[in-house]
C-alpha atoms as a PDB file:
ATOM      1  CA  MET A   1      17.503  52.954  97.447  1.00  0.00           C
ATOM      2  CA  LEU A   2      15.730  52.189  94.046  1.00  0.00           C
ATOM      3  CA  SER A   3      14.738  48.546  93.931  1.00  0.00           C
ATOM      4  CA  VAL A   4      13.569  46.605  90.995  1.00  0.00           C
ATOM      5  CA  LEU A   5      10.826  44.995  93.133  1.00  0.00           C
ATOM      6  CA  ALA A   6       9.323  48.440  94.416  1.00  0.00           C
ATOM      7  CA  PRO A   7       5.631  48.561  94.128  1.00  0.00           C
ATOM      8  CA  CYS A   8       5.619  51.142  91.666  1.00  0.00           C
ATOM      9  CA  VAL A   9       7.719  49.258  89.066  1.00  0.00           C
ATOM     10  CA  LEU A  10       5.787  45.837  89.169  1.00  0.00           C
ATOM     11  CA  PRO A  11       2.518  47.288  87.423  1.00  0.00           C
ATOM     12  CA  VAL A  12       5.115  48.057  84.276  1.00  0.00           C
ATOM     13  CA  ILE A  13       6.329  44.395  84.023  1.00  0.00           C
ATOM     14  CA  PRO A  14       3.241  43.160  82.132  1.00  0.00           C
ATOM     15  CA  VAL A  15       3.541  45.925  79.826  1.00  0.00           C
ATOM     16  CA  ILE A  16       7.126  45.409  79.113  1.00  0.00           C
ATOM     17  CA  PHE A  17       6.619  41.543  78.573  1.00  0.00           C
ATOM     18  CA  ALA A  18       3.164  41.921  76.427  1.00  0.00           C
ATOM     19  CA  GLY A  19       5.037  44.598  74.368  1.00  0.00           C
ATOM     20  CA  GLY A  20       8.113  41.921  73.658  1.00  0.00           C
ATOM     21  CA  LEU A  21       5.646  39.188  72.943  1.00  0.00           C
ATOM     22  CA  SER A  22       4.082  40.886  69.876  1.00  0.00           C
ATOM     23  CA  ALA A  23       7.503  41.467  68.502  1.00  0.00           C
ATOM     24  CA  GLU A  24       8.908  38.944  65.812  1.00  0.00           C
ATOM     25  CA  THR A  25      12.374  39.210  67.392  1.00  0.00           C
ATOM     26  CA  ASN A  26      13.884  39.912  70.743  1.00  0.00           C
ATOM     27  CA  ALA A  27      15.072  43.497  69.675  1.00  0.00           C
ATOM     28  CA  ARG A  28      11.808  45.115  70.361  1.00  0.00           C
ATOM     29  CA  THR A  29      11.495  43.266  74.022  1.00  0.00           C
ATOM     30  CA  LEU A  30      15.132  44.857  74.646  1.00  0.00           C
ATOM     31  CA  ARG A  31      14.322  48.293  73.527  1.00  0.00           C
ATOM     32  CA  ILE A  32      11.380  48.639  75.771  1.00  0.00           C
ATOM     33  CA  LEU A  33      13.158  47.242  78.523  1.00  0.00           C
ATOM     34  CA  PHE A  34      16.298  49.381  78.304  1.00  0.00           C
ATOM     35  CA  SER A  35      14.285  52.413  77.583  1.00  0.00           C
ATOM     36  CA  ALA A  36      12.206  51.770  80.854  1.00  0.00           C
ATOM     37  CA  LEU A  37      15.249  51.471  82.647  1.00  0.00           C
ATOM     38  CA  PHE A  38      16.756  54.501  81.392  1.00  0.00           C
ATOM     39  CA  CYS A  39      13.903  56.648  82.175  1.00  0.00           C
ATOM     40  CA  ILE A  40      13.698  55.253  85.741  1.00  0.00           C
ATOM     41  CA  PHE A  41      17.717  55.697  86.211  1.00  0.00           C
ATOM     42  CA  LEU A  42      17.464  59.267  84.492  1.00  0.00           C
ATOM     43  CA  PHE A  43      14.140  60.418  86.658  1.00  0.00           C
ATOM     44  CA  THR A  44      15.863  59.161  89.929  1.00  0.00           C
ATOM     45  CA  PHE A  45      19.098  60.662  89.270  1.00  0.00           C
ATOM     46  CA  ILE A  46      17.999  64.023  88.088  1.00  0.00           C
ATOM     47  CA  LEU A  47      15.803  64.102  91.504  1.00  0.00           C
ATOM     48  CA  LYS A  48      18.643  63.005  93.655  1.00  0.00           C
ATOM     49  CA  VAL A  49      20.879  65.820  92.060  1.00  0.00           C
ATOM     50  CA  SER A  50      18.192  68.342  92.357  1.00  0.00           C
ATOM     51  CA  THR A  51      17.229  67.784  95.897  1.00  0.00           C
ATOM     52  CA  ALA A  52      21.227  67.539  97.220  1.00  0.00           C
ATOM     53  CA  PHE A  53      21.367  71.257  96.774  1.00  0.00           C
ATOM     54  CA  ILE A  54      18.151  71.852  98.912  1.00  0.00           C
ATOM     55  CA  ALA A  55      18.438  72.373 102.590  1.00  0.00           C
ATOM     56  CA  ILE A  56      15.393  70.681 103.700  1.00  0.00           C
ATOM     57  CA  PRO A  57      15.351  68.249 106.483  1.00  0.00           C
ATOM     58  CA  THR A  58      14.283  64.806 105.872  1.00  0.00           C
ATOM     59  CA  SER A  59      11.527  64.713 108.365  1.00  0.00           C
ATOM     60  CA  THR A  60       9.979  67.961 106.310  1.00  0.00           C
ATOM     61  CA  ARG A  61      10.331  66.154 103.195  1.00  0.00           C
ATOM     62  CA  ALA A  62       8.590  63.071 104.594  1.00  0.00           C
ATOM     63  CA  THR A  63       5.722  65.056 105.937  1.00  0.00           C
ATOM     64  CA  LEU A  64       5.454  66.903 102.483  1.00  0.00           C
ATOM     65  CA  SER A  65       5.427  64.074 100.681  1.00  0.00           C
ATOM     66  CA  GLY A  66       2.789  62.218 102.985  1.00  0.00           C
ATOM     67  CA  LEU A  67       0.645  65.278 102.568  1.00  0.00           C
ATOM     68  CA  ILE A  68       0.785  64.929  98.883  1.00  0.00           C
ATOM     69  CA  ILE A  69      -0.168  61.369  99.082  1.00  0.00           C
ATOM     70  CA  VAL A  70      -3.056  61.991 101.176  1.00  0.00           C
ATOM     71  CA  LEU A  71      -4.646  64.753  98.919  1.00  0.00           C
ATOM     72  CA  TYR A  72      -4.243  62.829  96.031  1.00  0.00           C
ATOM     73  CA  GLY A  73      -6.060  60.248  97.866  1.00  0.00           C
ATOM     74  CA  CYS A  74      -8.949  62.617  98.861  1.00  0.00           C
ATOM     75  CA  THR A  75      -9.184  63.503  95.187  1.00  0.00           C
ATOM     76  CA  LEU A  76      -9.651  60.089  94.408  1.00  0.00           C
ATOM     77  CA  LEU A  77     -12.347  59.459  97.096  1.00  0.00           C
ATOM     78  CA  PHE A  78     -14.162  62.464  96.186  1.00  0.00           C
ATOM     79  CA  PRO A  79     -13.886  63.465  92.411  1.00  0.00           C
ATOM     80  CA  GLN A  80     -16.788  65.576  92.108  1.00  0.00           C
ATOM     81  CA  ALA A  81     -15.705  68.064  94.550  1.00  0.00           C
END
């Protein structure tokens, strides 16, 4: 379930508010907010629809996701290798 308070969404909040503070009206703030919400919704919807047709067990998806995160962490730990 997608949550507004998910850790991946929290770093975006200051960018949204900072973009809105520089505007003379609230129109820019609302455009930034709704475009971010639309992109998050669209990405989640496409991901959910595309994975609904793939018959992979949930445990395999979880293992694969964990492996990708570990590999990404290794590239951050050892950037020269």
